[in-house]
Amino acid sequence: MQFINKIKHSSLYKYAFLSGLGWTIVLGGLLSWNLKNTHTQTSEIATHQARSFFQEILTTRYWNASHGGVYVPISEEVQPNPYLDVPNRDIVTRDGMKLTMINPANMTRQIGKLAKERNNLWFHITSAKPIRPGNSPDEWESSALQQFEEGAQEFSEFIRVTDSSVLFRYMAPLWVEQPCLKCHAKQGYREGDLRGGISVSIKADAILSSQKKHTDNLYVTYLTIWILGMLGLGYFVYRLGNEEIKREEVIFKLKQALDEVNVLSGLLPICASCKKIRDDKGYWNQLEGYICKHSDTKFTHSICPACARELYPDIFEKMNDNKKL
């Protein structure tokens, strides 16, 4: 408690506080920078994964369109597309098998259905002017289509579906290419026009769980570094505080010594006969002993001429005669 009270009234306390605050700000800044990079990296990983799925679908659609569509057997799950207005949409083989044409849009829907069932992955082809009502965009897709109209190349976002589930949604534009005009020329599209887009939705729980583990490790690491730094700073301040206390004690003793020396400049009780001095305890001390005790003065003894004539007259006279010669 004595140490703390002394430190509080010294500049060392202020410097210690500022140093601790600076250490905290620096580590906080570094932690914030690392957390931002972690979130950016997570988004980039999810975007790269969704972009890869989109490109695969785009390549498959182009293959389908370049062949003018593909024929598959009609079944309970695959029925003729009422929105596909092309010649020979449905055909019958020589052995009686009924086939229907699958265009790129229909193929995308069927692949999306399989991906959802097998891989928790969703594809949705959409457009601001859909032929099929089921291809109408939702609110998020409408926002993405608007950005594509303004020049954006892709759009992505993490969206919380429930308290325990998050989706990563990605969407990129579909541009009209030459094979697409077979179906869409009648709608007024030309090559290079924005036809719509394909949205890709991926369950992001695993990605975000991995991100959380990484961020938790960052918090623990930086907290440990901060604590070690504060302990080191505290020890340094403690050592400096002890040194300051010792310095103050030395200064205090020096002041006491100076105060004692200054006593000699005041009134001293001195014997009118023997010239002894009375100290503050009532004892009588020799003059030179008192002064030596209360100052750094050292005495060396000699004898003045008057005392020499009185005490040693013969020697004094002889010394004077020698000086005259």
C-alpha atoms as a PDB file:
ATOM      1  CA  MET A   1       0.000   0.000   0.000  1.00  0.00           C
ATOM      2  CA  GLN A   2       2.862   2.346   0.800  1.00  0.00           C
ATOM      3  CA  PHE A   3       4.370   1.670  -2.640  1.00  0.00           C
ATOM      4  CA  ILE A   4       1.069   2.332  -4.421  1.00  0.00           C
ATOM      5  CA  ASN A   5       0.466   5.566  -2.562  1.00  0.00           C
ATOM      6  CA  LYS A   6       3.916   6.836  -3.427  1.00  0.00           C
ATOM      7  CA  ILE A   7       3.610   5.849  -7.092  1.00  0.00           C
ATOM      8  CA  LYS A   8       0.262   7.599  -7.407  1.00  0.00           C
ATOM      9  CA  HIS A   9       1.834  10.905  -6.559  1.00  0.00           C
ATOM     10  CA  SER A  10       4.700  10.584  -8.992  1.00  0.00           C
ATOM     11  CA  SER A  11       5.083  10.975 -12.749  1.00  0.00           C
ATOM     12  CA  LEU A  12       5.933   7.260 -12.933  1.00  0.00           C
ATOM     13  CA  TYR A  13       2.270   6.388 -12.389  1.00  0.00           C
ATOM     14  CA  LYS A  14       1.262   8.549 -15.345  1.00  0.00           C
ATOM     15  CA  TYR A  15       3.911   7.028 -17.605  1.00  0.00           C
ATOM     16  CA  ALA A  16       2.909   3.517 -16.531  1.00  0.00           C
ATOM     17  CA  PHE A  17      -0.745   4.239 -17.326  1.00  0.00           C
ATOM     18  CA  LEU A  18       0.093   5.714 -20.739  1.00  0.00           C
ATOM     19  CA  SER A  19       2.387   2.777 -21.551  1.00  0.00           C
ATOM     20  CA  GLY A  20      -0.320   0.274 -20.618  1.00  0.00           C
ATOM     21  CA  LEU A  21      -2.882   2.190 -22.658  1.00  0.00           C
ATOM     22  CA  GLY A  22      -0.522   2.299 -25.656  1.00  0.00           C
ATOM     23  CA  TRP A  23       0.160  -1.445 -25.356  1.00  0.00           C
ATOM     24  CA  THR A  24      -3.573  -2.138 -25.256  1.00  0.00           C
ATOM     25  CA  ILE A  25      -4.299   0.083 -28.273  1.00  0.00           C
ATOM     26  CA  VAL A  26      -1.506  -1.496 -30.358  1.00  0.00           C
ATOM     27  CA  LEU A  27      -2.620  -5.069 -29.604  1.00  0.00           C
ATOM     28  CA  GLY A  28      -6.268  -4.112 -30.094  1.00  0.00           C
ATOM     29  CA  GLY A  29      -5.429  -2.677 -33.508  1.00  0.00           C
ATOM     30  CA  LEU A  30      -3.501  -5.777 -34.520  1.00  0.00           C
ATOM     31  CA  LEU A  31      -6.316  -8.033 -33.303  1.00  0.00           C
ATOM     32  CA  SER A  32      -8.888  -6.013 -35.239  1.00  0.00           C
ATOM     33  CA  TRP A  33      -6.729  -6.224 -38.375  1.00  0.00           C
ATOM     34  CA  ASN A  34      -6.349 -10.006 -38.025  1.00  0.00           C
ATOM     35  CA  LEU A  35     -10.072 -10.494 -37.419  1.00  0.00           C
ATOM     36  CA  LYS A  36     -10.885  -8.428 -40.506  1.00  0.00           C
ATOM     37  CA  ASN A  37      -8.464 -10.504 -42.581  1.00  0.00           C
ATOM     38  CA  THR A  38     -10.011 -13.718 -41.230  1.00  0.00           C
ATOM     39  CA  HIS A  39     -13.524 -12.615 -42.212  1.00  0.00           C
ATOM     40  CA  THR A  40     -12.285 -11.498 -45.626  1.00  0.00           C
ATOM     41  CA  GLN A  41     -10.516 -14.818 -46.163  1.00  0.00           C
ATOM     42  CA  THR A  42     -13.646 -16.755 -45.180  1.00  0.00           C
ATOM     43  CA  SER A  43     -15.721 -14.753 -47.654  1.00  0.00           C
ATOM     44  CA  GLU A  44     -13.114 -15.274 -50.378  1.00  0.00           C
ATOM     45  CA  ILE A  45     -13.075 -19.053 -49.799  1.00  0.00           C
ATOM     46  CA  ALA A  46     -16.878 -19.253 -49.978  1.00  0.00           C
ATOM     47  CA  THR A  47     -16.944 -17.017 -53.055  1.00  0.00           C
ATOM     48  CA  HIS A  48     -14.318 -19.119 -54.808  1.00  0.00           C
ATOM     49  CA  GLN A  49     -16.281 -22.291 -54.085  1.00  0.00           C
ATOM     50  CA  ALA A  50     -19.590 -20.819 -55.296  1.00  0.00           C
ATOM     51  CA  ARG A  51     -17.937 -19.282 -58.350  1.00  0.00           C
ATOM     52  CA  SER A  52     -16.556 -22.701 -59.296  1.00  0.00           C
ATOM     53  CA  PHE A  53     -20.043 -24.230 -59.128  1.00  0.00           C
ATOM     54  CA  PHE A  54     -21.419 -21.377 -61.232  1.00  0.00           C
ATOM     55  CA  GLN A  55     -18.734 -21.845 -63.900  1.00  0.00           C
ATOM     56  CA  GLU A  56     -19.457 -25.584 -64.051  1.00  0.00           C
ATOM     57  CA  ILE A  57     -23.148 -24.899 -64.595  1.00  0.00           C
ATOM     58  CA  LEU A  58     -22.335 -22.213 -67.149  1.00  0.00           C
ATOM     59  CA  THR A  59     -20.101 -24.604 -69.100  1.00  0.00           C
ATOM     60  CA  THR A  60     -22.753 -27.340 -69.009  1.00  0.00           C
ATOM     61  CA  ARG A  61     -25.422 -24.907 -70.197  1.00  0.00           C
ATOM     62  CA  TYR A  62     -23.214 -23.783 -73.065  1.00  0.00           C
ATOM     63  CA  TRP A  63     -22.660 -27.387 -74.116  1.00  0.00           C
ATOM     64  CA  ASN A  64     -26.412 -27.965 -74.103  1.00  0.00           C
ATOM     65  CA  ALA A  65     -27.155 -24.773 -76.030  1.00  0.00           C
ATOM     66  CA  SER A  66     -24.421 -25.417 -78.594  1.00  0.00           C
ATOM     67  CA  HIS A  67     -26.134 -28.734 -79.432  1.00  0.00           C
ATOM     68  CA  GLY A  68     -29.575 -27.122 -79.661  1.00  0.00           C
ATOM     69  CA  GLY A  69     -30.766 -28.958 -76.558  1.00  0.00           C
ATOM     70  CA  VAL A  70     -30.658 -32.646 -75.671  1.00  0.00           C
ATOM     71  CA  TYR A  71     -33.388 -35.285 -75.702  1.00  0.00           C
ATOM     72  CA  VAL A  72     -34.184 -37.438 -72.707  1.00  0.00           C
ATOM     73  CA  PRO A  73     -36.899 -40.042 -72.100  1.00  0.00           C
ATOM     74  CA  ILE A  74     -40.188 -38.724 -70.766  1.00  0.00           C
ATOM     75  CA  SER A  75     -40.920 -39.984 -67.247  1.00  0.00           C
ATOM     76  CA  GLU A  76     -42.872 -39.019 -64.142  1.00  0.00           C
ATOM     77  CA  GLU A  77     -40.081 -36.672 -63.125  1.00  0.00           C
ATOM     78  CA  VAL A  78     -39.199 -35.424 -66.607  1.00  0.00           C
ATOM     79  CA  GLN A  79     -42.201 -34.015 -68.448  1.00  0.00           C
ATOM     80  CA  PRO A  80     -42.274 -31.876 -71.612  1.00  0.00           C
ATOM     81  CA  ASN A  81     -41.517 -28.242 -70.892  1.00  0.00           C
ATOM     82  CA  PRO A  82     -44.668 -26.208 -71.703  1.00  0.00           C
ATOM     83  CA  TYR A  83     -42.592 -23.006 -71.844  1.00  0.00           C
ATOM     84  CA  LEU A  84     -40.200 -24.321 -74.503  1.00  0.00           C
ATOM     85  CA  ASP A  85     -41.600 -23.113 -77.828  1.00  0.00           C
ATOM     86  CA  VAL A  86     -39.374 -24.834 -80.410  1.00  0.00           C
ATOM     87  CA  PRO A  87     -40.043 -27.251 -83.273  1.00  0.00           C
ATOM     88  CA  ASN A  88     -39.712 -30.965 -82.498  1.00  0.00           C
ATOM     89  CA  ARG A  89     -39.840 -30.433 -78.746  1.00  0.00           C
ATOM     90  CA  ASP A  90     -41.177 -33.975 -78.354  1.00  0.00           C
ATOM     91  CA  ILE A  91     -40.263 -36.906 -80.581  1.00  0.00           C
ATOM     92  CA  VAL A  92     -40.828 -40.649 -80.698  1.00  0.00           C
ATOM     93  CA  THR A  93     -38.093 -43.079 -81.676  1.00  0.00           C
ATOM     94  CA  ARG A  94     -38.640 -45.919 -84.119  1.00  0.00           C
ATOM     95  CA  ASP A  95     -39.013 -48.354 -81.255  1.00  0.00           C
ATOM     96  CA  GLY A  96     -41.692 -46.158 -79.641  1.00  0.00           C
ATOM     97  CA  MET A  97     -39.656 -44.404 -76.922  1.00  0.00           C
ATOM     98  CA  LYS A  98     -40.998 -40.918 -76.197  1.00  0.00           C
ATOM     99  CA  LEU A  99     -38.348 -38.215 -75.837  1.00  0.00           C
ATOM    100  CA  THR A 100     -38.558 -34.545 -74.889  1.00  0.00           C
ATOM    101  CA  MET A 101     -36.039 -31.798 -75.407  1.00  0.00           C
ATOM    102  CA  ILE A 102     -34.231 -30.425 -72.368  1.00  0.00           C
ATOM    103  CA  ASN A 103     -33.002 -26.884 -72.918  1.00  0.00           C
ATOM    104  CA  PRO A 104     -30.258 -25.215 -70.778  1.00  0.00           C
ATOM    105  CA  ALA A 105     -32.765 -23.602 -68.386  1.00  0.00           C
ATOM    106  CA  ASN A 106     -34.619 -26.877 -67.741  1.00  0.00           C
ATOM    107  CA  MET A 107     -31.331 -28.723 -67.362  1.00  0.00           C
ATOM    108  CA  THR A 108     -30.154 -26.134 -64.800  1.00  0.00           C
ATOM    109  CA  ARG A 109     -33.324 -26.658 -62.743  1.00  0.00           C
ATOM    110  CA  GLN A 110     -32.898 -30.431 -62.756  1.00  0.00           C
ATOM    111  CA  ILE A 111     -29.212 -30.233 -61.804  1.00  0.00           C
ATOM    112  CA  GLY A 112     -30.136 -27.791 -59.042  1.00  0.00           C
ATOM    113  CA  LYS A 113     -32.721 -30.230 -57.686  1.00  0.00           C
ATOM    114  CA  LEU A 114     -30.179 -33.068 -57.597  1.00  0.00           C
ATOM    115  CA  ALA A 115     -27.531 -30.825 -55.991  1.00  0.00           C
ATOM    116  CA  LYS A 116     -29.957 -29.809 -53.256  1.00  0.00           C
ATOM    117  CA  GLU A 117     -30.824 -33.418 -52.453  1.00  0.00           C
ATOM    118  CA  ARG A 118     -27.268 -34.757 -52.605  1.00  0.00           C
ATOM    119  CA  ASN A 119     -24.958 -31.883 -51.630  1.00  0.00           C
ATOM    120  CA  ASN A 120     -26.970 -29.226 -49.729  1.00  0.00           C
ATOM    121  CA  LEU A 121     -26.344 -26.958 -52.681  1.00  0.00           C
ATOM    122  CA  TRP A 122     -28.979 -24.838 -54.443  1.00  0.00           C
ATOM    123  CA  PHE A 123     -29.009 -23.441 -57.977  1.00  0.00           C
ATOM    124  CA  HIS A 124     -31.672 -21.075 -59.213  1.00  0.00           C
ATOM    125  CA  ILE A 125     -31.828 -19.605 -62.705  1.00  0.00           C
ATOM    126  CA  THR A 126     -33.671 -16.323 -62.754  1.00  0.00           C
ATOM    127  CA  SER A 127     -34.344 -13.251 -64.883  1.00  0.00           C
ATOM    128  CA  ALA A 128     -36.039  -9.894 -64.726  1.00  0.00           C
ATOM    129  CA  LYS A 129     -38.160 -11.147 -67.674  1.00  0.00           C
ATOM    130  CA  PRO A 130     -38.639 -14.860 -66.980  1.00  0.00           C
ATOM    131  CA  ILE A 131     -40.523 -17.087 -69.415  1.00  0.00           C
ATOM    132  CA  ARG A 132     -41.358 -19.548 -66.666  1.00  0.00           C
ATOM    133  CA  PRO A 133     -42.998 -18.009 -63.528  1.00  0.00           C
ATOM    134  CA  GLY A 134     -40.911 -20.275 -61.290  1.00  0.00           C
ATOM    135  CA  ASN A 135     -37.810 -18.477 -62.518  1.00  0.00           C
ATOM    136  CA  SER A 136     -38.908 -15.143 -61.044  1.00  0.00           C
ATOM    137  CA  PRO A 137     -36.255 -13.608 -58.772  1.00  0.00           C
ATOM    138  CA  ASP A 138     -36.676 -13.268 -55.049  1.00  0.00           C
ATOM    139  CA  GLU A 139     -35.842 -10.004 -53.277  1.00  0.00           C
ATOM    140  CA  TRP A 140     -32.140 -10.832 -52.889  1.00  0.00           C
ATOM    141  CA  GLU A 141     -31.840 -11.926 -56.536  1.00  0.00           C
ATOM    142  CA  SER A 142     -33.636  -8.780 -57.719  1.00  0.00           C
ATOM    143  CA  SER A 143     -31.076  -6.674 -55.902  1.00  0.00           C
ATOM    144  CA  ALA A 144     -28.257  -8.656 -57.550  1.00  0.00           C
ATOM    145  CA  LEU A 145     -29.827  -8.277 -61.024  1.00  0.00           C
ATOM    146  CA  GLN A 146     -30.051  -4.529 -60.484  1.00  0.00           C
ATOM    147  CA  GLN A 147     -26.347  -4.421 -59.656  1.00  0.00           C
ATOM    148  CA  PHE A 148     -25.558  -6.423 -62.805  1.00  0.00           C
ATOM    149  CA  GLU A 149     -27.445  -3.816 -64.812  1.00  0.00           C
ATOM    150  CA  GLU A 150     -25.120  -1.220 -63.252  1.00  0.00           C
ATOM    151  CA  GLY A 151     -21.985  -3.157 -64.217  1.00  0.00           C
ATOM    152  CA  ALA A 152     -21.325  -5.499 -61.273  1.00  0.00           C
ATOM    153  CA  GLN A 153     -19.686  -8.813 -62.200  1.00  0.00           C
ATOM    154  CA  GLU A 154     -20.924 -10.852 -59.246  1.00  0.00           C
ATOM    155  CA  PHE A 155     -22.756 -10.482 -55.952  1.00  0.00           C
ATOM    156  CA  SER A 156     -22.410 -12.530 -52.752  1.00  0.00           C
ATOM    157  CA  GLU A 157     -23.458 -12.392 -49.118  1.00  0.00           C
ATOM    158  CA  PHE A 158     -23.788 -14.476 -45.937  1.00  0.00           C
ATOM    159  CA  ILE A 159     -27.460 -14.743 -44.947  1.00  0.00           C
ATOM    160  CA  ARG A 160     -28.758 -16.189 -41.688  1.00  0.00           C
ATOM    161  CA  VAL A 161     -31.704 -18.489 -42.388  1.00  0.00           C
ATOM    162  CA  THR A 162     -32.357 -19.666 -38.822  1.00  0.00           C
ATOM    163  CA  ASP A 163     -30.635 -19.190 -35.470  1.00  0.00           C
ATOM    164  CA  SER A 164     -28.432 -22.190 -36.214  1.00  0.00           C
ATOM    165  CA  SER A 165     -28.116 -22.073 -40.000  1.00  0.00           C
ATOM    166  CA  VAL A 166     -26.395 -19.663 -42.378  1.00  0.00           C
ATOM    167  CA  LEU A 167     -26.341 -19.698 -46.181  1.00  0.00           C
ATOM    168  CA  PHE A 168     -23.733 -18.202 -48.454  1.00  0.00           C
ATOM    169  CA  ARG A 169     -25.488 -16.832 -51.525  1.00  0.00           C
ATOM    170  CA  TYR A 170     -23.635 -16.069 -54.720  1.00  0.00           C
ATOM    171  CA  MET A 171     -24.973 -14.830 -58.034  1.00  0.00           C
ATOM    172  CA  ALA A 172     -23.375 -13.967 -61.358  1.00  0.00           C
ATOM    173  CA  PRO A 173     -24.946 -12.727 -64.591  1.00  0.00           C
ATOM    174  CA  LEU A 174     -25.948 -14.728 -67.644  1.00  0.00           C
ATOM    175  CA  TRP A 175     -25.116 -13.025 -70.923  1.00  0.00           C
ATOM    176  CA  VAL A 176     -26.838 -13.904 -74.160  1.00  0.00           C
ATOM    177  CA  GLU A 177     -24.541 -15.905 -76.445  1.00  0.00           C
ATOM    178  CA  GLN A 178     -25.164 -17.062 -80.005  1.00  0.00           C
ATOM    179  CA  PRO A 179     -26.564 -20.522 -79.074  1.00  0.00           C
ATOM    180  CA  CYS A 180     -29.037 -18.834 -76.675  1.00  0.00           C
ATOM    181  CA  LEU A 181     -30.772 -16.949 -79.468  1.00  0.00           C
ATOM    182  CA  LYS A 182     -32.527 -20.118 -80.638  1.00  0.00           C
ATOM    183  CA  CYS A 183     -34.944 -19.751 -77.709  1.00  0.00           C
ATOM    184  CA  HIS A 184     -34.587 -16.122 -76.672  1.00  0.00           C
ATOM    185  CA  ALA A 185     -34.363 -14.177 -79.952  1.00  0.00           C
ATOM    186  CA  LYS A 186     -38.157 -13.956 -80.039  1.00  0.00           C
ATOM    187  CA  GLN A 187     -38.029 -12.086 -76.707  1.00  0.00           C
ATOM    188  CA  GLY A 188     -35.984  -9.346 -78.320  1.00  0.00           C
ATOM    189  CA  TYR A 189     -32.610 -10.364 -76.887  1.00  0.00           C
ATOM    190  CA  ARG A 190     -29.420  -9.867 -78.838  1.00  0.00           C
ATOM    191  CA  GLU A 191     -26.015 -11.380 -78.363  1.00  0.00           C
ATOM    192  CA  GLY A 192     -24.229  -9.715 -75.423  1.00  0.00           C
ATOM    193  CA  ASP A 193     -27.444  -8.673 -73.615  1.00  0.00           C
ATOM    194  CA  LEU A 194     -27.993  -9.451 -69.934  1.00  0.00           C
ATOM    195  CA  ARG A 195     -30.326 -12.451 -69.906  1.00  0.00           C
ATOM    196  CA  GLY A 196     -30.521 -12.909 -66.127  1.00  0.00           C
ATOM    197  CA  GLY A 197     -28.400 -14.788 -63.647  1.00  0.00           C
ATOM    198  CA  ILE A 198     -27.839 -17.979 -61.707  1.00  0.00           C
ATOM    199  CA  SER A 199     -27.777 -17.858 -57.927  1.00  0.00           C
ATOM    200  CA  VAL A 200     -25.807 -20.444 -55.964  1.00  0.00           C
ATOM    201  CA  SER A 201     -26.618 -21.070 -52.298  1.00  0.00           C
ATOM    202  CA  ILE A 202     -24.284 -23.090 -50.068  1.00  0.00           C
ATOM    203  CA  LYS A 203     -24.724 -24.076 -46.440  1.00  0.00           C
ATOM    204  CA  ALA A 204     -22.018 -22.057 -44.687  1.00  0.00           C
ATOM    205  CA  ASP A 205     -22.196 -23.596 -41.202  1.00  0.00           C
ATOM    206  CA  ALA A 206     -18.952 -25.566 -41.608  1.00  0.00           C
ATOM    207  CA  ILE A 207     -17.096 -22.579 -43.061  1.00  0.00           C
ATOM    208  CA  LEU A 208     -18.270 -20.252 -40.285  1.00  0.00           C
ATOM    209  CA  SER A 209     -17.496 -22.864 -37.636  1.00  0.00           C
ATOM    210  CA  SER A 210     -13.923 -23.027 -38.886  1.00  0.00           C
ATOM    211  CA  GLN A 211     -13.763 -19.225 -38.883  1.00  0.00           C
ATOM    212  CA  LYS A 212     -15.043 -19.114 -35.289  1.00  0.00           C
ATOM    213  CA  LYS A 213     -12.339 -21.529 -34.134  1.00  0.00           C
ATOM    214  CA  HIS A 214      -9.709 -19.364 -35.782  1.00  0.00           C
ATOM    215  CA  THR A 215     -11.078 -16.150 -34.270  1.00  0.00           C
ATOM    216  CA  ASP A 216     -11.291 -17.781 -30.822  1.00  0.00           C
ATOM    217  CA  ASN A 217      -7.619 -18.750 -31.124  1.00  0.00           C
ATOM    218  CA  LEU A 218      -6.807 -15.159 -32.070  1.00  0.00           C
ATOM    219  CA  TYR A 219      -8.621 -13.838 -28.991  1.00  0.00           C
ATOM    220  CA  VAL A 220      -6.804 -16.265 -26.693  1.00  0.00           C
ATOM    221  CA  THR A 221      -3.414 -15.539 -28.291  1.00  0.00           C
ATOM    222  CA  TYR A 222      -3.743 -11.776 -28.120  1.00  0.00           C
ATOM    223  CA  LEU A 223      -5.167 -11.892 -24.593  1.00  0.00           C
ATOM    224  CA  THR A 224      -2.176 -13.959 -23.485  1.00  0.00           C
ATOM    225  CA  ILE A 225       0.259 -11.544 -25.147  1.00  0.00           C
ATOM    226  CA  TRP A 226      -1.553  -8.594 -23.535  1.00  0.00           C
ATOM    227  CA  ILE A 227      -1.429 -10.149 -20.062  1.00  0.00           C
ATOM    228  CA  LEU A 228       2.275 -10.992 -20.403  1.00  0.00           C
ATOM    229  CA  GLY A 229       2.980  -7.471 -21.599  1.00  0.00           C
ATOM    230  CA  MET A 230       1.054  -5.917 -18.717  1.00  0.00           C
ATOM    231  CA  LEU A 231       2.825  -8.182 -16.219  1.00  0.00           C
ATOM    232  CA  GLY A 232       6.182  -7.168 -17.682  1.00  0.00           C
ATOM    233  CA  LEU A 233       5.182  -3.504 -17.541  1.00  0.00           C
ATOM    234  CA  GLY A 234       3.982  -3.932 -13.955  1.00  0.00           C
ATOM    235  CA  TYR A 235       7.271  -5.529 -12.929  1.00  0.00           C
ATOM    236  CA  PHE A 236       9.208  -2.749 -14.646  1.00  0.00           C
ATOM    237  CA  VAL A 237       7.122  -0.106 -12.866  1.00  0.00           C
ATOM    238  CA  TYR A 238       7.582  -1.936  -9.565  1.00  0.00           C
ATOM    239  CA  ARG A 239      11.359  -1.905  -9.978  1.00  0.00           C
ATOM    240  CA  LEU A 240      11.363   1.749 -10.964  1.00  0.00           C
ATOM    241  CA  GLY A 241       9.097   2.515  -8.011  1.00  0.00           C
ATOM    242  CA  ASN A 242      11.524   0.869  -5.616  1.00  0.00           C
ATOM    243  CA  GLU A 243      14.382   2.835  -7.139  1.00  0.00           C
ATOM    244  CA  GLU A 244      12.362   6.015  -6.755  1.00  0.00           C
ATOM    245  CA  ILE A 245      11.661   5.223  -3.108  1.00  0.00           C
ATOM    246  CA  LYS A 246      15.345   4.628  -2.457  1.00  0.00           C
ATOM    247  CA  ARG A 247      16.208   7.872  -4.213  1.00  0.00           C
ATOM    248  CA  GLU A 248      13.639   9.736  -2.151  1.00  0.00           C
ATOM    249  CA  GLU A 249      15.071   8.228   1.046  1.00  0.00           C
ATOM    250  CA  VAL A 250      18.564   9.378   0.070  1.00  0.00           C
ATOM    251  CA  ILE A 251      17.241  12.856  -0.704  1.00  0.00           C
ATOM    252  CA  PHE A 252      15.404  12.905   2.619  1.00  0.00           C
ATOM    253  CA  LYS A 253      18.556  11.950   4.529  1.00  0.00           C
ATOM    254  CA  LEU A 254      20.548  14.587   2.674  1.00  0.00           C
ATOM    255  CA  LYS A 255      17.957  17.177   3.583  1.00  0.00           C
ATOM    256  CA  GLN A 256      18.131  16.065   7.194  1.00  0.00           C
ATOM    257  CA  ALA A 257      21.910  16.414   7.122  1.00  0.00           C
ATOM    258  CA  LEU A 258      21.621  19.871   5.590  1.00  0.00           C
ATOM    259  CA  ASP A 259      19.097  20.830   8.234  1.00  0.00           C
ATOM    260  CA  GLU A 260      21.493  19.695  10.940  1.00  0.00           C
ATOM    261  CA  VAL A 261      24.320  21.681   9.335  1.00  0.00           C
ATOM    262  CA  ASN A 262      22.062  24.703   9.169  1.00  0.00           C
ATOM    263  CA  VAL A 263      21.699  24.498  12.975  1.00  0.00           C
ATOM    264  CA  LEU A 264      25.261  25.836  13.213  1.00  0.00           C
ATOM    265  CA  SER A 265      24.128  29.092  11.700  1.00  0.00           C
ATOM    266  CA  GLY A 266      21.629  29.686  14.520  1.00  0.00           C
ATOM    267  CA  LEU A 267      22.181  30.508  18.235  1.00  0.00           C
ATOM    268  CA  LEU A 268      24.420  27.987  20.075  1.00  0.00           C
ATOM    269  CA  PRO A 269      24.718  27.911  23.862  1.00  0.00           C
ATOM    270  CA  ILE A 270      28.502  28.302  24.504  1.00  0.00           C
ATOM    271  CA  CYS A 271      30.356  28.525  27.782  1.00  0.00           C
ATOM    272  CA  ALA A 272      31.858  31.973  28.283  1.00  0.00           C
ATOM    273  CA  SER A 273      34.857  30.435  30.016  1.00  0.00           C
ATOM    274  CA  CYS A 274      35.778  27.048  28.516  1.00  0.00           C
ATOM    275  CA  LYS A 275      33.952  27.633  25.242  1.00  0.00           C
ATOM    276  CA  LYS A 276      32.094  24.277  25.349  1.00  0.00           C
ATOM    277  CA  ILE A 277      28.812  24.031  23.448  1.00  0.00           C
ATOM    278  CA  ARG A 278      25.580  22.640  24.878  1.00  0.00           C
ATOM    279  CA  ASP A 279      23.712  20.328  22.478  1.00  0.00           C
ATOM    280  CA  ASP A 280      19.942  19.794  22.237  1.00  0.00           C
ATOM    281  CA  LYS A 281      20.143  17.003  24.834  1.00  0.00           C
ATOM    282  CA  GLY A 282      21.758  19.228  27.432  1.00  0.00           C
ATOM    283  CA  TYR A 283      25.260  17.806  27.166  1.00  0.00           C
ATOM    284  CA  TRP A 284      28.293  20.072  26.934  1.00  0.00           C
ATOM    285  CA  ASN A 285      30.660  19.214  24.111  1.00  0.00           C
ATOM    286  CA  GLN A 286      33.977  20.534  22.969  1.00  0.00           C
ATOM    287  CA  LEU A 287      33.530  23.126  20.269  1.00  0.00           C
ATOM    288  CA  GLU A 288      35.465  21.190  17.647  1.00  0.00           C
ATOM    289  CA  GLY A 289      33.704  17.932  18.536  1.00  0.00           C
ATOM    290  CA  TYR A 290      30.261  19.490  18.072  1.00  0.00           C
ATOM    291  CA  ILE A 291      31.144  21.071  14.751  1.00  0.00           C
ATOM    292  CA  CYS A 292      32.698  17.810  13.431  1.00  0.00           C
ATOM    293  CA  LYS A 293      29.555  15.923  14.399  1.00  0.00           C
ATOM    294  CA  HIS A 294      27.172  18.318  12.685  1.00  0.00           C
ATOM    295  CA  SER A 295      29.183  19.100   9.553  1.00  0.00           C
ATOM    296  CA  ASP A 296      31.899  17.805   7.260  1.00  0.00           C
ATOM    297  CA  THR A 297      34.476  20.151   8.856  1.00  0.00           C
ATOM    298  CA  LYS A 298      37.731  18.553  10.036  1.00  0.00           C
ATOM    299  CA  PHE A 299      40.007  20.284  12.595  1.00  0.00           C
ATOM    300  CA  THR A 300      43.812  20.526  12.716  1.00  0.00           C
ATOM    301  CA  HIS A 301      45.358  22.006  15.891  1.00  0.00           C
ATOM    302  CA  SER A 302      47.793  24.925  16.080  1.00  0.00           C
ATOM    303  CA  ILE A 303      48.519  27.777  18.555  1.00  0.00           C
ATOM    304  CA  CYS A 304      48.037  31.485  18.170  1.00  0.00           C
ATOM    305  CA  PRO A 305      50.836  34.012  19.049  1.00  0.00           C
ATOM    306  CA  ALA A 306      49.040  35.327  22.145  1.00  0.00           C
ATOM    307  CA  CYS A 307      48.645  31.842  23.609  1.00  0.00           C
ATOM    308  CA  ALA A 308      52.198  30.938  22.634  1.00  0.00           C
ATOM    309  CA  ARG A 309      53.567  34.039  24.525  1.00  0.00           C
ATOM    310  CA  GLU A 310      51.476  33.141  27.563  1.00  0.00           C
ATOM    311  CA  LEU A 311      52.139  29.408  27.661  1.00  0.00           C
ATOM    312  CA  TYR A 312      55.651  29.206  26.246  1.00  0.00           C
ATOM    313  CA  PRO A 313      57.330  32.638  26.820  1.00  0.00           C
ATOM    314  CA  ASP A 314      60.948  31.454  26.486  1.00  0.00           C
ATOM    315  CA  ILE A 315      60.326  29.601  23.225  1.00  0.00           C
ATOM    316  CA  PHE A 316      58.221  32.439  21.883  1.00  0.00           C
ATOM    317  CA  GLU A 317      60.952  35.049  22.590  1.00  0.00           C
ATOM    318  CA  LYS A 318      63.641  32.843  21.065  1.00  0.00           C
ATOM    319  CA  MET A 319      61.521  32.351  17.900  1.00  0.00           C
ATOM    320  CA  ASN A 320      61.063  36.093  17.569  1.00  0.00           C
ATOM    321  CA  ASP A 321      64.833  36.733  17.960  1.00  0.00           C
ATOM    322  CA  ASN A 322      65.555  34.218  15.189  1.00  0.00           C
ATOM    323  CA  LYS A 323      63.079  35.949  12.904  1.00  0.00           C
ATOM    324  CA  LYS A 324      64.805  39.306  13.489  1.00  0.00           C
ATOM    325  CA  LEU A 325      68.182  37.852  12.531  1.00  0.00           C
END
